[in-house]
Amino acid sequence: MGEYNIIAEIILCTVIFLGILTTIVYGEANFDKVKLTGPFEVGHKDIHINGTGNAISVFYPMDKDVYRRIMKQEPHRNTKWMRYGYNTRLGGARSTAPWGSETHSHPFIWKFV
């Protein structure tokens, strides 16, 4: 039974090593170079709630012609992935908590998700 644990640990260490090596070589995840196929582009809108300070990102399909027209008018409209840095990772980590609990995974894990 012990040899199966060692094999699983070797596989886990290999995957973690490859993830860290990929991050060192290519940097953090960035979807700027993703080429979309199909009839749609991805539209984006941030909705902020003033009372609580919460925000939600909404992504929706958008016609390619409309997308090109809007991007010509506002070239910096696209937002960065993880644009709020640590707070974005903290929000992702908090989403892993059980309902009604404050215990969640560490935000560092979300850097590699």
N, C-alpha and C. Protein backbone atom coordinates (compact mmCIF):
# COMPACT_ATOMS: atom_id res chain seq x y z
N MET A 1 0.82 -1.20 0.00
CA MET A 1 0.00 0.00 0.00
C MET A 1 0.86 1.26 0.00
N GLY A 2 2.04 1.19 0.62
CA GLY A 2 2.92 2.34 0.71
C GLY A 2 3.50 2.76 -0.62
N GLU A 3 3.73 1.79 -1.52
CA GLU A 3 4.32 2.14 -2.81
C GLU A 3 3.34 2.95 -3.66
N TYR A 4 2.02 2.75 -3.47
CA TYR A 4 1.04 3.55 -4.20
C TYR A 4 1.05 5.00 -3.73
N ASN A 5 1.26 5.22 -2.44
CA ASN A 5 1.36 6.57 -1.92
C ASN A 5 2.58 7.29 -2.49
N ILE A 6 3.68 6.58 -2.61
CA ILE A 6 4.90 7.18 -3.15
C ILE A 6 4.69 7.54 -4.62
N ILE A 7 4.05 6.66 -5.38
CA ILE A 7 3.78 6.95 -6.79
C ILE A 7 2.88 8.18 -6.92
N ALA A 8 1.85 8.26 -6.09
CA ALA A 8 0.95 9.41 -6.12
C ALA A 8 1.68 10.70 -5.75
N GLU A 9 2.57 10.64 -4.78
CA GLU A 9 3.35 11.82 -4.40
C GLU A 9 4.31 12.23 -5.50
N ILE A 10 4.91 11.28 -6.19
CA ILE A 10 5.80 11.61 -7.30
C ILE A 10 5.02 12.29 -8.42
N ILE A 11 3.84 11.78 -8.73
CA ILE A 11 3.02 12.40 -9.77
C ILE A 11 2.61 13.81 -9.34
N LEU A 12 2.20 13.98 -8.10
CA LEU A 12 1.81 15.30 -7.59
C LEU A 12 2.98 16.28 -7.65
N CYS A 13 4.15 15.85 -7.21
CA CYS A 13 5.33 16.73 -7.24
C CYS A 13 5.70 17.09 -8.68
N THR A 14 5.55 16.15 -9.60
CA THR A 14 5.84 16.44 -11.00
C THR A 14 4.89 17.48 -11.56
N VAL A 15 3.60 17.36 -11.27
CA VAL A 15 2.61 18.33 -11.75
C VAL A 15 2.87 19.71 -11.14
N ILE A 16 3.16 19.76 -9.87
CA ILE A 16 3.46 21.05 -9.22
C ILE A 16 4.72 21.67 -9.82
N PHE A 17 5.76 20.85 -10.02
CA PHE A 17 7.00 21.36 -10.61
C PHE A 17 6.75 21.91 -12.01
N LEU A 18 5.97 21.20 -12.83
CA LEU A 18 5.66 21.69 -14.17
C LEU A 18 4.86 22.98 -14.13
N GLY A 19 3.93 23.10 -13.18
CA GLY A 19 3.16 24.34 -13.04
C GLY A 19 4.04 25.52 -12.67
N ILE A 20 4.95 25.31 -11.72
CA ILE A 20 5.86 26.39 -11.32
C ILE A 20 6.82 26.74 -12.45
N LEU A 21 7.34 25.73 -13.14
CA LEU A 21 8.24 25.97 -14.27
C LEU A 21 7.53 26.74 -15.38
N THR A 22 6.30 26.37 -15.68
CA THR A 22 5.53 27.07 -16.70
C THR A 22 5.28 28.52 -16.31
N THR A 23 5.01 28.77 -15.02
CA THR A 23 4.80 30.13 -14.55
C THR A 23 6.08 30.95 -14.67
N ILE A 24 7.21 30.34 -14.38
CA ILE A 24 8.49 31.05 -14.48
C ILE A 24 8.80 31.39 -15.94
N VAL A 25 8.57 30.44 -16.83
CA VAL A 25 8.91 30.65 -18.24
C VAL A 25 7.93 31.59 -18.94
N TYR A 26 6.61 31.37 -18.76
CA TYR A 26 5.61 32.12 -19.51
C TYR A 26 4.92 33.22 -18.72
N GLY A 27 5.13 33.31 -17.42
CA GLY A 27 4.47 34.31 -16.60
C GLY A 27 3.10 33.84 -16.15
N GLU A 28 2.36 34.72 -15.49
CA GLU A 28 1.05 34.35 -14.99
C GLU A 28 0.05 34.23 -16.13
N ALA A 29 -1.09 33.59 -15.84
CA ALA A 29 -2.11 33.34 -16.87
C ALA A 29 -2.59 34.65 -17.47
N ASN A 30 -2.60 34.68 -18.80
CA ASN A 30 -3.07 35.85 -19.52
C ASN A 30 -3.72 35.34 -20.80
N PHE A 31 -4.94 35.75 -21.04
CA PHE A 31 -5.68 35.23 -22.18
C PHE A 31 -5.65 36.18 -23.38
N ASP A 32 -4.66 37.08 -23.45
CA ASP A 32 -4.58 38.02 -24.57
C ASP A 32 -4.35 37.31 -25.90
N LYS A 33 -3.62 36.22 -25.90
CA LYS A 33 -3.25 35.56 -27.16
C LYS A 33 -4.18 34.43 -27.55
N VAL A 34 -5.29 34.25 -26.84
CA VAL A 34 -6.24 33.19 -27.18
C VAL A 34 -7.00 33.60 -28.42
N LYS A 35 -7.02 32.74 -29.42
CA LYS A 35 -7.77 32.99 -30.65
C LYS A 35 -9.11 32.27 -30.55
N LEU A 36 -10.19 33.04 -30.58
CA LEU A 36 -11.52 32.46 -30.46
C LEU A 36 -11.99 31.97 -31.82
N THR A 37 -12.69 30.85 -31.82
CA THR A 37 -13.30 30.34 -33.04
C THR A 37 -14.80 30.39 -32.87
N GLY A 38 -15.52 30.47 -33.97
CA GLY A 38 -16.97 30.53 -33.90
C GLY A 38 -17.48 31.92 -34.21
N PRO A 39 -18.80 32.10 -34.17
CA PRO A 39 -19.40 33.37 -34.60
C PRO A 39 -19.41 34.48 -33.54
N PHE A 40 -18.88 34.22 -32.33
CA PHE A 40 -19.00 35.20 -31.26
C PHE A 40 -17.65 35.59 -30.67
N GLU A 41 -17.60 36.79 -30.11
CA GLU A 41 -16.51 37.25 -29.25
C GLU A 41 -17.06 37.29 -27.83
N VAL A 42 -16.19 37.54 -26.87
CA VAL A 42 -16.62 37.58 -25.48
C VAL A 42 -16.72 39.03 -25.03
N GLY A 43 -17.95 39.43 -24.66
CA GLY A 43 -18.17 40.75 -24.09
C GLY A 43 -18.02 40.69 -22.57
N HIS A 44 -17.69 41.82 -21.96
CA HIS A 44 -17.44 41.84 -20.52
C HIS A 44 -17.99 43.11 -19.91
N LYS A 45 -18.53 42.96 -18.69
CA LYS A 45 -18.99 44.12 -17.93
C LYS A 45 -18.78 43.85 -16.45
N ASP A 46 -18.25 44.84 -15.74
CA ASP A 46 -18.13 44.77 -14.28
C ASP A 46 -19.32 45.49 -13.66
N ILE A 47 -19.96 44.84 -12.70
CA ILE A 47 -21.08 45.45 -11.99
C ILE A 47 -20.64 45.62 -10.54
N HIS A 48 -20.64 46.87 -10.05
CA HIS A 48 -20.22 47.18 -8.69
C HIS A 48 -21.44 47.53 -7.84
N ILE A 49 -21.45 47.04 -6.61
CA ILE A 49 -22.52 47.34 -5.66
C ILE A 49 -21.96 48.34 -4.66
N ASN A 50 -22.51 49.54 -4.66
CA ASN A 50 -21.96 50.62 -3.82
C ASN A 50 -22.10 50.36 -2.33
N GLY A 51 -23.21 49.79 -1.90
CA GLY A 51 -23.46 49.61 -0.48
C GLY A 51 -22.48 48.67 0.19
N THR A 52 -22.17 47.56 -0.46
CA THR A 52 -21.30 46.55 0.15
C THR A 52 -19.89 46.57 -0.38
N GLY A 53 -19.67 47.21 -1.52
CA GLY A 53 -18.34 47.22 -2.11
C GLY A 53 -18.02 45.98 -2.92
N ASN A 54 -18.99 45.10 -3.11
CA ASN A 54 -18.79 43.89 -3.89
C ASN A 54 -18.86 44.21 -5.38
N ALA A 55 -18.25 43.33 -6.18
CA ALA A 55 -18.29 43.48 -7.63
C ALA A 55 -18.45 42.10 -8.25
N ILE A 56 -19.05 42.08 -9.42
CA ILE A 56 -19.20 40.83 -10.16
C ILE A 56 -18.82 41.10 -11.61
N SER A 57 -18.13 40.16 -12.22
CA SER A 57 -17.78 40.25 -13.63
C SER A 57 -18.75 39.39 -14.42
N VAL A 58 -19.33 39.98 -15.47
CA VAL A 58 -20.27 39.26 -16.32
C VAL A 58 -19.64 39.13 -17.69
N PHE A 59 -19.54 37.91 -18.18
CA PHE A 59 -19.03 37.64 -19.51
C PHE A 59 -20.17 37.10 -20.36
N TYR A 60 -20.32 37.59 -21.59
CA TYR A 60 -21.45 37.20 -22.42
C TYR A 60 -21.01 37.13 -23.88
N PRO A 61 -21.72 36.33 -24.70
CA PRO A 61 -21.37 36.25 -26.13
C PRO A 61 -21.78 37.54 -26.83
N MET A 62 -20.97 37.93 -27.80
CA MET A 62 -21.18 39.19 -28.50
C MET A 62 -20.88 39.00 -29.98
N ASP A 63 -21.68 39.60 -30.85
CA ASP A 63 -21.47 39.50 -32.28
C ASP A 63 -20.10 40.09 -32.65
N LYS A 64 -19.37 39.44 -33.55
CA LYS A 64 -18.01 39.89 -33.88
C LYS A 64 -17.98 41.29 -34.49
N ASP A 65 -18.95 41.62 -35.33
CA ASP A 65 -18.97 42.95 -35.94
C ASP A 65 -19.21 44.05 -34.90
N VAL A 66 -20.15 43.82 -34.00
CA VAL A 66 -20.42 44.78 -32.92
C VAL A 66 -19.19 44.91 -32.03
N TYR A 67 -18.54 43.78 -31.73
CA TYR A 67 -17.35 43.78 -30.89
C TYR A 67 -16.24 44.63 -31.51
N ARG A 68 -15.99 44.44 -32.82
CA ARG A 68 -14.94 45.23 -33.50
C ARG A 68 -15.26 46.72 -33.49
N ARG A 69 -16.53 47.07 -33.71
CA ARG A 69 -16.93 48.48 -33.72
C ARG A 69 -16.71 49.11 -32.34
N ILE A 70 -17.10 48.41 -31.28
CA ILE A 70 -16.93 48.94 -29.93
C ILE A 70 -15.46 49.04 -29.57
N MET A 71 -14.65 48.03 -29.96
CA MET A 71 -13.23 48.05 -29.61
C MET A 71 -12.49 49.16 -30.36
N LYS A 72 -12.96 49.56 -31.55
CA LYS A 72 -12.35 50.69 -32.25
C LYS A 72 -12.65 51.99 -31.52
N GLN A 73 -13.85 52.11 -30.94
CA GLN A 73 -14.23 53.33 -30.22
C GLN A 73 -13.52 53.42 -28.88
N GLU A 74 -13.40 52.29 -28.19
CA GLU A 74 -12.80 52.25 -26.85
C GLU A 74 -11.74 51.15 -26.82
N PRO A 75 -10.52 51.43 -27.29
CA PRO A 75 -9.51 50.36 -27.41
C PRO A 75 -9.06 49.76 -26.08
N HIS A 76 -9.22 50.45 -24.97
CA HIS A 76 -8.78 49.92 -23.67
C HIS A 76 -9.94 49.37 -22.86
N ARG A 77 -11.00 48.96 -23.55
CA ARG A 77 -12.19 48.47 -22.87
C ARG A 77 -11.98 47.09 -22.23
N ASN A 78 -11.16 46.23 -22.83
CA ASN A 78 -10.94 44.90 -22.27
C ASN A 78 -10.27 45.01 -20.92
N THR A 79 -10.66 44.14 -20.00
CA THR A 79 -10.07 44.16 -18.68
C THR A 79 -9.02 43.07 -18.57
N LYS A 80 -8.11 43.22 -17.65
CA LYS A 80 -7.07 42.22 -17.43
C LYS A 80 -7.62 41.07 -16.61
N TRP A 81 -7.10 39.89 -16.86
CA TRP A 81 -7.43 38.73 -16.05
C TRP A 81 -6.83 38.95 -14.66
N MET A 82 -7.56 38.70 -13.61
CA MET A 82 -7.10 38.93 -12.24
C MET A 82 -6.73 40.40 -12.04
N ARG A 83 -7.57 41.30 -12.50
CA ARG A 83 -7.25 42.73 -12.51
C ARG A 83 -7.19 43.37 -11.13
N TYR A 84 -7.76 42.71 -10.12
CA TYR A 84 -7.70 43.26 -8.77
C TYR A 84 -6.63 42.57 -7.93
N GLY A 85 -5.78 41.77 -8.57
CA GLY A 85 -4.66 41.14 -7.89
C GLY A 85 -5.06 40.24 -6.74
N TYR A 86 -4.54 40.54 -5.57
CA TYR A 86 -4.78 39.69 -4.41
C TYR A 86 -6.25 39.60 -4.06
N ASN A 87 -7.01 40.69 -4.21
CA ASN A 87 -8.43 40.66 -3.87
C ASN A 87 -9.20 39.70 -4.77
N THR A 88 -8.80 39.58 -6.03
CA THR A 88 -9.45 38.62 -6.93
C THR A 88 -9.17 37.20 -6.45
N ARG A 89 -7.92 36.95 -6.07
CA ARG A 89 -7.57 35.61 -5.58
C ARG A 89 -8.29 35.32 -4.27
N LEU A 90 -8.41 36.32 -3.41
CA LEU A 90 -9.10 36.13 -2.14
C LEU A 90 -10.57 35.82 -2.36
N GLY A 91 -11.19 36.49 -3.32
CA GLY A 91 -12.59 36.20 -3.64
C GLY A 91 -12.77 34.78 -4.16
N GLY A 92 -11.85 34.32 -5.01
CA GLY A 92 -11.90 32.94 -5.50
C GLY A 92 -11.72 31.95 -4.37
N ALA A 93 -10.80 32.24 -3.46
CA ALA A 93 -10.57 31.35 -2.32
C ALA A 93 -11.80 31.31 -1.41
N ARG A 94 -12.42 32.45 -1.20
CA ARG A 94 -13.62 32.48 -0.34
C ARG A 94 -14.78 31.71 -0.95
N SER A 95 -14.77 31.56 -2.27
CA SER A 95 -15.85 30.80 -2.91
C SER A 95 -15.76 29.31 -2.61
N THR A 96 -14.63 28.85 -2.08
CA THR A 96 -14.47 27.43 -1.75
C THR A 96 -14.95 27.09 -0.34
N ALA A 97 -15.34 28.10 0.43
CA ALA A 97 -15.79 27.86 1.81
C ALA A 97 -17.16 27.19 1.80
N PRO A 98 -17.39 26.30 2.76
CA PRO A 98 -18.74 25.71 2.88
C PRO A 98 -19.76 26.80 3.21
N TRP A 99 -21.01 26.54 2.85
CA TRP A 99 -22.09 27.51 3.07
C TRP A 99 -22.16 27.92 4.54
N GLY A 100 -22.10 29.21 4.80
CA GLY A 100 -22.22 29.72 6.16
C GLY A 100 -20.93 29.67 6.96
N SER A 101 -19.82 29.34 6.32
CA SER A 101 -18.54 29.22 7.02
C SER A 101 -17.55 30.24 6.47
N GLU A 102 -16.58 30.58 7.28
CA GLU A 102 -15.53 31.51 6.85
C GLU A 102 -14.22 30.79 6.54
N THR A 103 -14.18 29.47 6.69
CA THR A 103 -12.95 28.71 6.42
C THR A 103 -12.87 28.41 4.93
N HIS A 104 -11.80 28.86 4.31
CA HIS A 104 -11.62 28.67 2.87
C HIS A 104 -10.17 28.32 2.59
N SER A 105 -9.88 27.94 1.35
CA SER A 105 -8.51 27.62 0.96
C SER A 105 -7.66 28.89 0.96
N HIS A 106 -6.36 28.72 0.97
CA HIS A 106 -5.46 29.87 0.98
C HIS A 106 -5.45 30.53 -0.41
N PRO A 107 -5.45 31.86 -0.49
CA PRO A 107 -5.46 32.54 -1.79
C PRO A 107 -4.25 32.23 -2.66
N PHE A 108 -3.14 31.79 -2.08
CA PHE A 108 -1.96 31.48 -2.87
C PHE A 108 -2.26 30.37 -3.88
N ILE A 109 -3.11 29.43 -3.50
CA ILE A 109 -3.47 28.33 -4.40
C ILE A 109 -4.13 28.87 -5.67
N TRP A 110 -4.90 29.94 -5.55
CA TRP A 110 -5.63 30.49 -6.68
C TRP A 110 -4.71 31.18 -7.67
N LYS A 111 -3.47 31.43 -7.31
CA LYS A 111 -2.54 32.03 -8.26
C LYS A 111 -2.26 31.08 -9.42
N PHE A 112 -2.34 29.79 -9.17
CA PHE A 112 -2.02 28.80 -10.18
C PHE A 112 -3.24 28.18 -10.82
N VAL A 113 -4.44 28.62 -10.45
CA VAL A 113 -5.66 28.04 -11.01
C VAL A 113 -5.92 28.67 -12.37
